[in-house]
Structures are given as structure tokens and as C-alpha cells.
Protein backbone atom coordinates (compact mmCIF):
# COMPACT_ATOMS: atom_id res chain seq x y z
CA MET A 1 44.01 41.00 101.09
CA THR A 2 46.83 43.77 101.84
CA PHE A 3 45.52 45.69 98.84
CA TRP A 4 41.96 45.03 99.21
CA VAL A 5 42.17 46.72 102.64
CA PHE A 6 44.01 49.61 101.22
CA PHE A 7 41.65 49.80 98.62
CA ALA A 8 38.57 49.93 101.45
CA ASN A 9 40.69 52.73 103.26
CA ASN A 10 40.87 55.08 100.30
CA GLY A 11 37.19 53.96 99.16
CA ALA A 12 36.30 57.57 99.37
CA ASP A 13 39.00 59.01 97.21
CA VAL A 14 38.47 56.06 94.99
CA TRP A 15 34.63 56.96 94.47
CA ARG A 16 35.34 60.75 94.12
CA HIS A 17 37.91 60.16 90.93
CA THR A 18 35.56 57.76 89.78
CA LEU A 19 32.82 60.12 89.33
CA GLU A 20 35.51 62.39 88.00
CA HIS A 21 36.73 60.04 85.31
CA LEU A 22 32.65 59.24 84.65
CA GLY A 23 31.95 62.98 84.07
CA LEU A 24 34.90 63.68 81.62
CA VAL A 25 34.00 60.30 79.48
CA VAL A 26 30.28 60.99 79.69
CA ALA A 27 30.50 64.84 78.62
CA SER A 28 33.20 64.17 75.99
CA THR A 29 30.86 61.11 74.36
CA LEU A 30 27.85 63.32 74.28
CA ALA A 31 29.68 66.17 72.79
CA ALA A 32 31.35 63.72 69.86
CA ILE A 33 27.94 62.43 69.15
CA THR A 34 26.54 66.06 68.88
CA VAL A 35 29.46 66.72 66.26
CA GLY A 36 30.02 63.20 64.83
CA LEU A 37 26.63 62.29 63.69
CA PRO A 38 25.62 65.34 61.65
CA LEU A 39 29.21 65.04 60.02
CA GLY A 40 28.75 61.00 59.20
CA VAL A 41 25.32 62.09 57.71
CA ALA A 42 27.07 64.54 55.88
CA LEU A 43 29.44 62.54 54.31
CA THR A 44 26.62 60.30 52.94
CA ARG A 45 25.13 63.37 51.19
CA GLN A 46 28.35 65.02 49.80
CA PRO A 47 30.69 62.41 48.90
CA VAL A 48 33.41 64.99 48.27
CA LEU A 49 33.50 65.72 52.05
CA ARG A 50 34.62 62.21 52.91
CA ALA A 51 38.25 62.26 52.20
CA PRO A 52 39.08 65.51 54.05
CA ILE A 53 36.72 64.76 56.99
CA LEU A 54 37.97 61.30 57.53
CA GLY A 55 41.41 61.97 57.15
CA LEU A 56 41.48 64.91 59.82
CA ALA A 57 39.93 62.65 62.12
CA ASN A 58 42.52 60.10 61.28
CA VAL A 59 45.31 62.49 61.50
CA PHE A 60 44.23 63.39 65.29
CA GLN A 61 43.87 59.87 66.28
CA THR A 62 47.62 59.42 65.62
CA ILE A 63 48.79 62.37 68.00
CA PRO A 64 49.73 60.89 71.32
CA SER A 65 47.18 61.81 74.02
CA LEU A 66 49.86 63.56 76.27
CA ALA A 67 51.25 65.45 73.42
CA LEU A 68 47.59 66.73 72.44
CA PHE A 69 47.06 67.82 75.78
CA GLY A 70 49.93 69.86 76.06
CA LEU A 71 49.21 71.27 72.58
CA LEU A 72 45.78 72.40 74.01
CA ILE A 73 46.86 74.06 77.28
CA PRO A 74 48.18 77.56 75.54
CA LEU A 75 45.28 77.73 73.29
CA PRO A 76 42.34 80.55 74.45
CA PHE A 77 38.61 79.50 75.40
CA ILE A 78 39.35 75.50 74.80
CA GLY A 79 42.70 75.56 76.55
CA GLY A 80 44.33 75.75 79.99
CA ILE A 81 44.28 72.85 82.92
CA GLY A 82 41.40 71.19 84.03
CA ALA A 83 38.08 69.42 82.94
CA ARG A 84 37.50 71.46 79.91
CA THR A 85 40.73 71.04 77.94
CA ALA A 86 40.35 67.15 78.77
CA ILE A 87 37.03 67.01 77.04
CA VAL A 88 38.06 68.86 74.04
CA ALA A 89 40.64 66.44 73.77
CA LEU A 90 38.61 63.56 74.31
CA VAL A 91 36.22 64.59 71.93
CA VAL A 92 38.83 64.88 69.10
CA TYR A 93 39.81 61.06 70.00
CA ALA A 94 36.02 60.03 69.88
CA LEU A 95 35.15 61.69 66.63
CA LEU A 96 36.76 58.84 64.16
CA PRO A 97 34.83 55.88 65.16
CA ILE A 98 31.29 57.96 65.38
CA ILE A 99 32.00 59.15 62.06
CA ARG A 100 33.03 56.60 60.50
CA ASN A 101 30.42 54.22 61.74
CA THR A 102 27.70 56.77 61.11
CA TYR A 103 28.77 56.77 57.57
CA ALA A 104 29.16 53.28 57.06
CA GLY A 105 26.00 52.45 58.64
CA ILE A 106 23.94 54.84 56.32
CA GLN A 107 25.84 53.64 53.45
CA ALA A 108 25.17 50.09 54.12
CA VAL A 109 21.24 50.29 53.99
CA ASP A 110 20.10 48.31 50.96
CA PRO A 111 19.64 50.76 47.92
CA ALA A 112 16.17 48.97 47.14
CA VAL A 113 14.89 50.16 50.51
CA ARG A 114 15.88 53.54 49.95
CA ASP A 115 14.56 53.96 46.51
CA ALA A 116 10.98 52.52 48.02
CA ALA A 117 10.98 55.24 50.56
CA ILE A 118 11.86 57.83 47.67
CA GLY A 119 9.01 56.39 45.54
CA MET A 120 6.54 56.65 48.41
CA GLY A 121 7.25 60.27 48.36
CA MET A 122 9.55 60.85 51.60
CA THR A 123 11.51 63.98 51.70
CA ASP A 124 15.36 63.55 52.46
CA GLY A 125 14.74 64.42 56.08
CA GLU A 126 11.94 61.54 56.59
CA LEU A 127 14.15 59.03 54.78
CA LEU A 128 17.18 59.80 57.00
CA ARG A 129 14.92 59.71 60.19
CA LEU A 130 12.37 56.94 59.52
CA VAL A 131 14.47 54.74 57.24
CA GLU A 132 18.28 55.09 57.33
CA PHE A 133 18.62 56.03 61.25
CA PRO A 134 16.77 52.83 62.34
CA LEU A 135 18.51 50.68 60.00
CA ALA A 136 21.99 52.10 60.71
CA ALA A 137 21.64 52.15 64.29
CA PRO A 138 23.44 49.25 65.32
CA VAL A 139 26.44 50.31 63.53
CA ILE A 140 26.22 53.87 64.60
CA LEU A 141 26.03 52.60 68.15
CA ALA A 142 28.84 50.11 68.09
CA GLY A 143 31.02 53.39 67.06
CA ILE A 144 29.68 55.17 69.88
CA ARG A 145 30.58 52.11 72.35
CA ILE A 146 34.29 51.79 70.78
CA ALA A 147 34.43 55.95 71.59
CA THR A 148 33.24 55.47 74.90
CA VAL A 149 35.55 52.78 75.99
CA VAL A 150 38.49 54.40 74.51
CA GLY A 151 37.65 57.48 76.34
CA VAL A 152 37.76 55.73 79.61
CA GLY A 153 41.48 54.80 78.88
CA ILE A 154 42.50 58.32 77.79
CA ALA A 155 41.10 60.01 80.08
CA THR A 156 43.63 58.53 82.91
CA ILE A 157 46.13 60.77 80.97
CA ALA A 158 43.88 63.76 81.85
CA ALA A 159 45.08 63.99 85.17
CA ALA A 160 48.40 65.24 84.09
CA ILE A 161 46.72 68.86 83.32
CA GLY A 162 44.48 68.92 86.62
CA ALA A 163 41.38 67.39 85.05
CA GLY A 164 41.06 64.85 88.12
CA GLY A 165 40.00 61.45 87.49
CA LEU A 166 41.23 57.75 88.23
CA GLY A 167 44.57 58.97 86.83
CA GLU A 168 45.86 61.02 89.64
CA PHE A 169 46.28 57.47 91.16
CA ILE A 170 48.18 56.15 88.76
CA PHE A 171 50.57 59.29 88.13
CA ARG A 172 50.82 59.25 92.24
CA GLY A 173 51.50 55.41 92.13
CA VAL A 174 54.19 55.76 89.43
CA SER A 175 55.79 58.68 91.35
CA MET A 176 55.87 56.71 94.46
CA VAL A 177 56.63 53.22 92.57
CA ASP A 178 53.70 51.70 94.67
CA HIS A 179 51.60 49.59 92.81
CA ARG A 180 49.04 49.60 95.24
CA VAL A 181 48.21 53.10 94.43
CA ILE A 182 48.60 52.46 90.51
CA LEU A 183 45.74 49.76 91.03
CA LEU A 184 43.69 52.19 93.00
CA GLY A 185 43.31 53.88 89.47
CA ALA A 186 43.83 50.92 87.08
CA ILE A 187 41.16 48.57 88.36
CA PRO A 188 38.22 51.25 88.84
CA ALA A 189 39.22 52.38 85.23
CA ALA A 190 38.89 49.12 83.79
CA PHE A 191 35.49 48.33 85.67
CA LEU A 192 34.28 51.52 84.16
CA ALA A 193 35.01 50.56 80.87
CA LEU A 194 33.22 47.31 80.94
CA VAL A 195 30.47 48.49 82.50
CA LEU A 196 29.87 51.54 80.22
CA ASP A 197 30.08 48.97 77.43
CA ALA A 198 27.86 46.59 78.89
CA LEU A 199 25.25 49.81 79.27
CA LEU A 200 25.63 50.84 75.64
CA HIS A 201 25.25 47.38 74.83
CA LEU A 202 21.58 47.13 76.35
CA VAL A 203 20.91 50.36 74.67
CA GLU A 204 21.96 48.93 71.19
CA ARG A 205 19.63 46.02 71.67
CA ALA A 206 16.69 47.82 73.19
CA VAL A 207 16.94 50.38 70.30
CA ASP A 208 15.08 48.83 67.37
CA TRP A 209 13.51 51.55 65.70
CA ARG A 210 12.48 49.22 62.88
CA ALA A 211 10.03 47.35 65.35
CA ARG A 212 9.22 49.61 68.04
CA ARG A 213 9.55 53.17 68.43
CA HIS A 214 9.50 53.70 72.09
CA ASN A 215 12.64 51.61 72.43
CA GLY A 216 14.31 54.44 70.68
CA MET A 217 12.76 56.78 73.03
CA THR A 218 14.07 54.81 75.93
CA ALA A 219 17.66 55.16 74.63
CA CYS A 220 17.07 58.99 74.29
CA ARG A 221 15.64 59.26 77.84
CA PHE A 222 18.73 57.31 79.08
CA LEU A 223 21.00 59.80 77.10
CA ALA A 224 19.04 62.64 78.48
CA ILE A 225 19.05 61.30 82.11
CA VAL A 226 23.12 60.96 81.83
CA SER A 227 23.39 64.65 80.31
CA LEU A 228 21.69 66.01 83.29
CA ILE A 229 23.84 64.21 85.86
CA VAL A 230 26.95 65.63 84.13
CA LEU A 231 25.80 69.09 83.89
CA ILE A 232 24.80 69.25 87.57
CA ALA A 233 28.13 67.64 88.53
CA CYS A 234 29.85 70.26 86.33
CA SER A 235 27.50 73.26 87.74
CA PRO A 236 29.40 76.21 89.20
CA ARG A 237 30.91 75.81 92.56
CA ARG A 238 31.75 78.58 95.12
CA GLN A 239 35.10 80.29 94.19
CA ALA A 240 38.18 78.87 96.06
CA ILE A 241 41.86 79.23 95.89
CA VAL A 242 43.19 76.62 93.62
CA ILE A 243 46.50 75.12 94.78
CA GLY A 244 48.23 73.19 92.45
CA SER A 245 51.90 71.11 91.97
CA LYS A 246 53.95 69.12 89.65
CA ASN A 247 53.93 65.48 89.21
CA PHE A 248 56.64 64.36 91.74
CA THR A 249 56.29 63.39 95.31
CA GLU A 250 57.85 66.49 96.99
CA SER A 251 55.81 68.91 94.91
CA VAL A 252 52.44 66.90 95.83
CA ILE A 253 53.66 67.10 99.52
CA LEU A 254 54.10 70.91 99.41
CA GLY A 255 51.05 71.81 97.26
CA GLU A 256 49.02 69.46 99.93
CA LEU A 257 50.78 71.37 102.53
CA LEU A 258 49.64 74.77 101.30
CA ALA A 259 45.96 73.56 100.83
CA GLN A 260 45.89 72.18 104.34
CA LYS A 261 47.48 75.52 105.90
CA LEU A 262 44.70 77.56 104.04
CA GLU A 263 42.06 75.19 104.76
CA ARG A 264 43.13 75.66 108.42
CA ALA A 265 42.61 79.16 108.22
CA GLY A 266 39.46 78.81 107.07
CA LEU A 267 39.95 79.72 103.22
CA PRO A 268 38.09 77.65 100.65
CA VAL A 269 40.78 75.53 98.54
CA GLU A 270 40.35 73.67 95.42
CA ARG A 271 43.45 70.93 94.91
CA LYS A 272 44.82 70.73 91.28
CA LEU A 273 47.66 68.43 91.93
CA ASN A 274 50.17 66.01 89.96
CA LEU A 275 49.88 68.50 87.06
CA GLY A 276 52.57 67.67 84.04
CA GLY A 277 55.54 69.30 85.30
CA THR A 278 57.26 73.13 85.57
CA PHE A 279 55.74 74.33 82.41
CA VAL A 280 52.05 73.30 82.93
CA CYS A 281 52.08 74.85 86.17
CA HIS A 282 53.78 77.69 84.70
CA GLN A 283 51.12 78.30 82.16
CA ALA A 284 48.29 77.72 84.32
CA MET A 285 49.43 80.41 86.56
CA ILE A 286 49.70 82.84 83.63
CA ALA A 287 46.16 81.72 82.59
CA GLY A 288 44.66 82.29 86.01
CA GLN A 289 43.76 78.71 86.44
CA LEU A 290 45.94 78.05 89.40
CA ASP A 291 46.55 80.68 92.17
CA ALA A 292 49.65 79.35 93.88
CA TYR A 293 51.73 76.30 94.05
CA VAL A 294 55.63 75.80 95.25
CA GLU A 295 58.21 76.62 92.79
CA TYR A 296 62.08 76.59 93.00
CA THR A 297 64.17 79.26 92.47
CA GLY A 298 66.73 77.87 90.14
CA THR A 299 64.12 76.30 87.90
CA ALA A 300 62.18 79.73 87.61
CA TYR A 301 65.54 81.48 86.80
CA SER A 302 66.82 78.81 84.29
CA ALA A 303 64.02 77.01 82.90
CA VAL A 304 61.36 79.65 82.80
CA LEU A 305 63.36 82.78 82.35
CA GLN A 306 65.88 81.02 80.23
CA ARG A 307 68.87 83.05 82.31
CA PRO A 308 72.20 81.87 82.24
CA ALA A 309 73.89 80.13 85.36
CA LEU A 310 74.22 82.12 88.48
CA SER A 311 75.07 80.69 92.03
CA ASP A 312 74.28 83.68 94.08
CA ILE A 313 71.26 82.79 96.18
CA ALA A 314 70.05 86.21 96.80
CA ARG A 315 70.52 87.63 93.38
CA VAL A 316 68.63 84.75 91.78
CA ARG A 317 65.64 85.01 94.46
CA GLU A 318 65.69 88.89 93.73
CA ILE A 319 65.71 88.30 89.88
CA VAL A 320 62.93 85.89 89.66
CA ASP A 321 60.74 87.67 92.09
CA ARG A 322 60.90 91.14 90.36
CA THR A 323 60.50 89.55 86.82
CA TYR A 324 57.51 87.27 87.50
CA ARG A 325 55.86 90.53 89.22
CA ALA A 326 56.63 92.66 86.19
CA ARG A 327 55.71 90.23 83.64
CA TRP A 328 53.11 88.13 84.89
CA GLN A 329 51.68 89.56 88.17
CA LEU A 330 52.91 86.83 90.15
CA ARG A 331 54.76 87.18 93.59
CA TRP A 332 57.03 84.95 95.00
CA GLY A 333 56.70 84.13 99.11
CA PRO A 334 59.49 83.68 101.22
CA PRO A 335 61.64 80.47 101.29
CA LEU A 336 60.17 77.64 103.03
CA GLY A 337 63.78 76.61 104.11
CA PHE A 338 65.43 74.31 102.26
CA GLU A 339 66.88 73.98 98.68
CA ASN A 340 66.18 71.01 96.49
CA THR A 341 68.97 70.88 93.84
CA PHE A 342 69.39 68.44 91.12
CA ALA A 343 71.32 65.37 92.59
CA MET A 344 73.37 63.32 90.19
CA LEU A 345 72.89 59.79 91.65
CA VAL A 346 74.89 56.51 91.41
CA ARG A 347 74.63 53.30 93.53
CA ARG A 348 76.59 53.87 96.71
CA ALA A 349 78.24 50.45 96.10
CA ASP A 350 79.52 51.82 92.60
CA ALA A 351 80.73 54.93 94.39
CA GLU A 352 82.94 53.19 96.87
CA ARG A 353 84.41 50.53 94.30
CA LEU A 354 85.37 53.39 92.06
CA HIS A 355 86.08 56.15 94.53
CA LEU A 356 83.57 58.60 93.14
CA ARG A 357 83.03 61.46 94.90
CA THR A 358 82.28 64.40 92.46
CA LEU A 359 80.92 64.56 88.89
CA SER A 360 84.45 65.16 87.58
CA ASP A 361 85.24 61.82 89.04
CA ALA A 362 82.14 60.08 87.27
CA ALA A 363 83.15 61.53 84.20
CA ARG A 364 86.04 59.54 83.50
CA HIS A 365 83.70 56.38 83.91
CA ALA A 366 80.96 57.88 81.97
CA GLY A 367 81.76 56.09 78.86
CA THR A 368 80.69 52.58 80.02
CA TRP A 369 77.75 53.95 81.86
CA ARG A 370 73.80 53.89 80.89
CA ALA A 371 72.25 57.01 82.05
CA GLY A 372 68.53 57.52 82.98
CA PHE A 373 66.66 60.98 83.16
CA GLY A 374 63.20 62.42 83.69
CA TYR A 375 61.52 64.21 80.84
CA GLU A 376 62.11 67.67 82.06
CA PHE A 377 65.77 67.36 82.70
CA MET A 378 66.48 66.36 79.22
CA GLU A 379 65.06 69.50 78.15
CA ARG A 380 65.69 72.21 80.66
CA ALA A 381 68.31 74.99 80.29
CA ASP A 382 69.66 73.92 83.55
CA GLY A 383 69.48 70.21 82.57
CA PHE A 384 71.52 67.44 80.88
CA PRO A 385 72.76 69.44 77.92
CA GLY A 386 74.45 71.98 79.72
CA LEU A 387 75.75 69.59 82.46
CA ALA A 388 77.32 67.46 79.84
CA ALA A 389 79.10 70.16 78.24
CA ARG A 390 80.45 71.58 81.59
CA TYR A 391 81.80 68.15 82.47
CA GLY A 392 82.25 66.46 79.45
CA LEU A 393 79.83 63.62 79.91
CA LYS A 394 80.00 61.13 77.19
CA PHE A 395 77.52 57.94 78.08
CA ARG A 396 77.57 54.64 76.49
CA THR A 397 74.23 54.95 74.66
CA LYS A 398 71.85 57.78 74.62
CA PRO A 399 70.20 58.72 77.98
CA SER A 400 66.91 56.86 78.51
CA VAL A 401 64.20 59.06 79.41
CA MET A 402 61.51 57.94 81.47
CA ASP A 403 59.21 59.35 84.51
CA LEU A 404 61.14 60.65 87.21
CA GLY A 405 59.87 57.99 89.91
CA LEU A 406 60.92 55.36 87.78
CA THR A 407 64.66 56.51 87.24
CA TYR A 408 65.37 55.53 91.11
CA ARG A 409 63.97 52.16 90.78
CA ALA A 410 65.83 51.87 87.52
CA LEU A 411 69.37 52.91 88.77
CA ALA A 412 68.61 50.58 91.97
CA GLU A 413 67.86 47.46 89.96
CA GLY A 414 71.08 48.12 87.67
CA LYS A 415 69.02 49.11 84.53
CA VAL A 416 71.12 52.16 84.22
CA ASP A 417 74.20 53.54 86.28
CA ILE A 418 73.34 57.23 86.85
CA ILE A 419 70.42 59.39 87.22
CA ALA A 420 69.29 62.78 87.81
CA GLY A 421 66.99 63.03 90.99
CA ASN A 422 66.19 65.66 93.41
CA ALA A 423 68.58 66.00 96.54
CA THR A 424 65.91 66.00 99.41
CA ASP A 425 64.03 62.91 98.00
CA GLY A 426 63.48 59.99 100.42
CA GLN A 427 64.64 57.06 97.85
CA ILE A 428 68.13 58.34 97.97
CA PRO A 429 68.99 56.58 101.52
CA ALA A 430 66.11 54.25 101.18
CA LEU A 431 68.02 52.43 97.90
CA ASN A 432 71.39 53.10 99.16
CA LEU A 433 72.31 55.76 96.67
CA PHE A 434 75.21 58.19 96.61
CA GLN A 435 74.83 61.99 95.38
CA LEU A 436 77.78 63.08 93.88
CA ALA A 437 79.27 66.45 94.58
CA ASP A 438 78.64 69.11 91.71
CA ASP A 439 82.20 70.43 91.92
CA ARG A 440 82.22 72.70 89.19
CA GLY A 441 78.97 74.69 90.29
CA TYR A 442 76.86 74.17 87.55
CA PHE A 443 73.35 73.88 88.92
CA PRO A 444 72.03 77.20 90.16
CA PRO A 445 70.35 77.55 93.82
CA TYR A 446 66.86 75.85 94.12
CA GLU A 447 65.03 77.46 96.92
CA ALA A 448 61.54 76.32 97.66
CA ALA A 449 59.15 79.24 97.82
CA PRO A 450 55.26 79.72 97.09
CA VAL A 451 54.62 81.51 94.13
CA VAL A 452 50.84 83.49 94.24
CA ARG A 453 48.87 85.48 91.81
CA GLN A 454 48.54 89.11 93.06
CA SER A 455 44.71 88.89 91.94
CA ALA A 456 44.38 85.91 94.48
CA LEU A 457 46.01 87.81 97.01
CA ARG A 458 43.58 90.91 96.55
CA ARG A 459 40.59 88.58 96.40
CA TYR A 460 41.74 86.70 99.82
CA PRO A 461 44.14 89.14 101.92
CA ALA A 462 44.41 86.62 104.53
CA LEU A 463 46.24 84.23 101.63
CA GLY A 464 49.58 86.18 101.79
CA VAL A 465 49.78 86.09 105.63
CA VAL A 466 48.89 82.26 105.49
CA LEU A 467 51.88 81.59 102.82
CA ASP A 468 54.38 84.12 104.53
CA SER A 469 53.90 82.17 107.72
CA LEU A 470 55.48 79.04 106.15
CA GLY A 471 58.44 80.82 105.63
CA GLY A 472 61.59 79.24 107.00
CA THR A 473 59.63 76.42 108.52
CA ILE A 474 60.96 73.39 106.74
CA THR A 475 64.43 72.19 106.89
CA PRO A 476 66.17 69.77 104.21
CA GLU A 477 66.05 67.06 106.61
CA THR A 478 62.47 67.72 107.32
CA MET A 479 61.52 67.40 103.73
CA ARG A 480 63.68 64.51 103.20
CA GLY A 481 61.65 62.93 106.06
CA LEU A 482 58.33 63.75 104.63
CA ASN A 483 59.46 62.51 101.03
CA TYR A 484 60.64 59.20 102.74
CA GLN A 485 57.19 58.64 104.64
CA VAL A 486 55.29 58.68 101.32
CA ASP A 487 57.91 57.31 98.81
CA VAL A 488 59.42 54.52 101.03
CA LEU A 489 56.82 53.86 103.77
CA HIS A 490 54.03 54.18 101.26
CA ARG A 491 51.91 56.61 103.64
CA ASP A 492 49.34 58.90 102.31
CA VAL A 493 50.05 62.34 101.79
CA LYS A 494 47.26 64.07 103.43
CA ASN A 495 48.06 62.03 106.47
CA VAL A 496 51.96 63.19 106.44
CA VAL A 497 51.01 66.80 105.85
CA ALA A 498 48.57 66.94 108.53
CA GLU A 499 50.71 65.26 111.32
CA PHE A 500 53.56 67.78 110.12
CA LEU A 501 51.25 70.76 110.79
CA ASP A 502 50.19 69.40 113.84
CA GLY A 503 53.46 68.57 115.10
CA THR A 504 52.83 65.19 115.86
CA SER A 505 55.54 63.37 113.77
CA ARG A 506 58.90 62.88 113.29
CA PRO A 507 59.83 62.32 109.43
CA GLY A 508 61.86 59.63 108.60
CA THR A 509 62.81 58.19 112.07
CA ARG A 510 62.46 54.71 113.10
CA GLN A 511 59.37 55.41 114.91
CA ASP A 512 57.74 56.18 111.60
CA GLU A 513 59.03 53.07 109.87
CA ARG A 514 57.68 50.84 112.78
CA GLN A 515 54.01 52.73 111.94
């Protein structure tokens, strides 16, 4: 009952994301039909094409969906972040069942029927239109049904590149370790798959071109109406300032903070939150698909610019701002007022039992430990490889790689013994974890600050004023409290940010917990 109340309270967002999800699936399926049907027919006319085309379609099917989205991001015209890239990826996955079923359906037509039609003087086009397509229709539509249902599932991954849809709830729920939020995306996605499958089944039954041609026209009208709906939904909107964020709680909070601050100043805003990570956001900024997001100076310095470790805060800030301006026409705003360094975390009980205070202390016990890290930490220049070399860390097994939000729960439940979190995360006190001191100064400074495109500043002169006004307004304690409200108290990000801007909340206090 509590979940359904939660579901009802978020009904407007669920409906909006469901429509976004439906738009992605319908647009990609129609595009795949447009491409796949002719290719399937071509295979029946040119058998030599069968092996290479079906082989290529099979290869596309083997590429993990998240990997395909990542591969498409840097490509011109079809890449970037947003719905366009997601639709291209979904079309790729939908092609195989449509091509294969079109080919199989036409090939299954009785040769005697085909010979009789040719004997009556039908041209190849008439044979296809009047004989083969009507008889193959059930098999072709079965392929379209498969492509559509599979598309509903894969479209949830599209949220990682800012395409919207129900996957936003799933990614958000995983990062918050909140099953209610995960179900906000999972239940409507499952229901949408069932509804689309049922509708296409009705179309399949209605399309009986062998007996009544007007039933086929009914199916065509159905597809035409759906196409019109998608076109209307995808029609250009008023140009807005596009605000992004990465896919962890603090970044989403800060992205929402920028968005609400700009909206209060009367500026139009579009949100692209919960993107795949640092490099997705950075590539989107370079491509002009994001106008601003909050980044950390140490992340930009080490991961993006690939610079060696440097502990001078002012020097790091000066280098990233100067390089970003010269290389990509991006400007760094004033720091928000806090740092969020990587936090190497263990259970507090273990820290007390083993007298652990620093990473050097932990290195003496690492040989019996299991580690769990997020994807970025395993790959970044300021991540695990360099840390292991600096401290001589050697764990019992190779570190497990998982979503950052899941690492906290894994540590608290004893599945791993050390993780790399974020110093301002609210789950650190909530799960009774202990942060080990970086006694050898491995990690660079990580000041949070907005990064904004200079072209956006020229388009909206007030944008820079609003972003600059946020400088120095968030202390580490405040940020930890905001994270606590979202991660631990499971409060809605928009409400938490709105209360912070109104000055009506004191994040992380006992009063908030009672609410």
C-alpha cells in the first residue's frame, strides 16, 4: 500500500516518462520497419545477400546495449546524447527479427502458389504485393512484435545518454538503493511491453490480406496515426538551456539545483540528468548538446585532461579553466563551496577492530580483503590503478566492478571490505562507514563548480550571473545533508532542492528524518 501511495504521488512524472519511452520505441520500430522490410524482400530476390546482411544484423545483436550507446555518442549526425542516438541504437537491435521474419515469411509461400501467380501474368511487384506479402503477413508481424517488445526493454538503458524514458527511474533507484523508485520504472515498462504486444497481436489478427483488403488498410491507418503522434511529440520546442548531470545522487542534486536556480530567474531550462558519467557529460558539452553541468576540478584535471597528480587547489582550478576555455570554449564558474574527493571506505566496526585510520594502515590488511569499485574509478587516471601503485594495495581477488550506488550496500552487507565512495555522500554516516585518510596525498582537490558553454553565455547573458551567484553557497556539511535526504530518507530531489533554495530546510537533521 505504501508503494502505491508513492506511485500515485509521482504519477505525473511516471506518465511523462512513459510517453517518452513510448515515443522512443514507436519511432525506432517504425524506422526499423522502413529499413528492414525492403532488406528482407531483397534477400528473397538476391540470395547472395542473405549471409552478409543477416550476419551483420546478428553481430549488432551481440553488442551490449550500453556499449552500443557509448559507441554512438562521438559519431557525427547520428551520435551525441538524447533521443536521436537512442533511436538509432534501438533501430539496430530491431532490424534482425524484422529482416529475418520478412525473409522467412516470403520464402515459406507455397511455390505452387507463386508459380500460378506468375502463370497468370503477374509482374514481380504484383506478385510481392498481391500474393507474397498477404501470405507472409503473420510471420512478418510476429517479427515486428518481437522487435517492439525487445525495444521496450532496451529503451530503459537510453536514460544513461539523456534520452529520457522510464530508465531514469531505474538508474535513479539503483543509485539511491531505493526499490520503490526502481519499480516506478520497471512496472510501467513491463506494462507498456504487454500493451504493445497485445495491440500488435490485434493488428496481426486484423491483417488478413487474403480475404479482406480493408483490414490491411486498418493496420496501415493504425501505424499512420501512431507515426503522427510520434512526430508531434518530437516537434521542435523553444530553445532552452540544457542542464546535465552524472548518474549519482550528488550530481543529480547539483544538476537540479542549477535548473531550479535558472528557472527562478525566468530562464527556459531542459534537464538531461542521470547521464552515464564524466565522459558522457564532457562529450555532450563539446558536441553542444549540454549547456552546463557541475564538474569537479580534480576529475577534470586527472580524468579529462590526463594530467599527473597535483595537490595545489588554486593551480588545479587555474589549469582546468584555462585549458577548457582554449580547447573547448567552456568556462568554469566559481566553486560552489565544497570539495568531494574520493573516499576510501571501510565498515566502522572493522576500522575500530583493526585500528585503521589511513590508507597505509589498510594496505597491511588488503591481502585478505575483497574490494568493490564503480566503473569510472577502475578506469580513471586518478582511480584505482594509480592508488594501488601509490599504496601497494593488493586484494584477495580482483576488485568487483558495479554501479557506484550498489557499492555502499555491498560494503555494509559484508560482500566487499573496501569501496571508493564520495566524501560528501549521505550514506557514509547512515551505514556507519569509516573514511580512511589519504595520508600519501594521492587524490587531487575536487572542488565542485559549474562548467558552462560560452555560446550559451552569449545566448543568455543572465546565465552567467545566475551560475556565479551559486559560488560559495554550499558547505561540505550542507552537501552531505542534501545527499542524506535523498539517499537515506528517500526524498524527491526536486523537493529537497526547492527547500534548500527557499531556506526552509536543514538537511540531515533529526527534524528532517522525522519528516
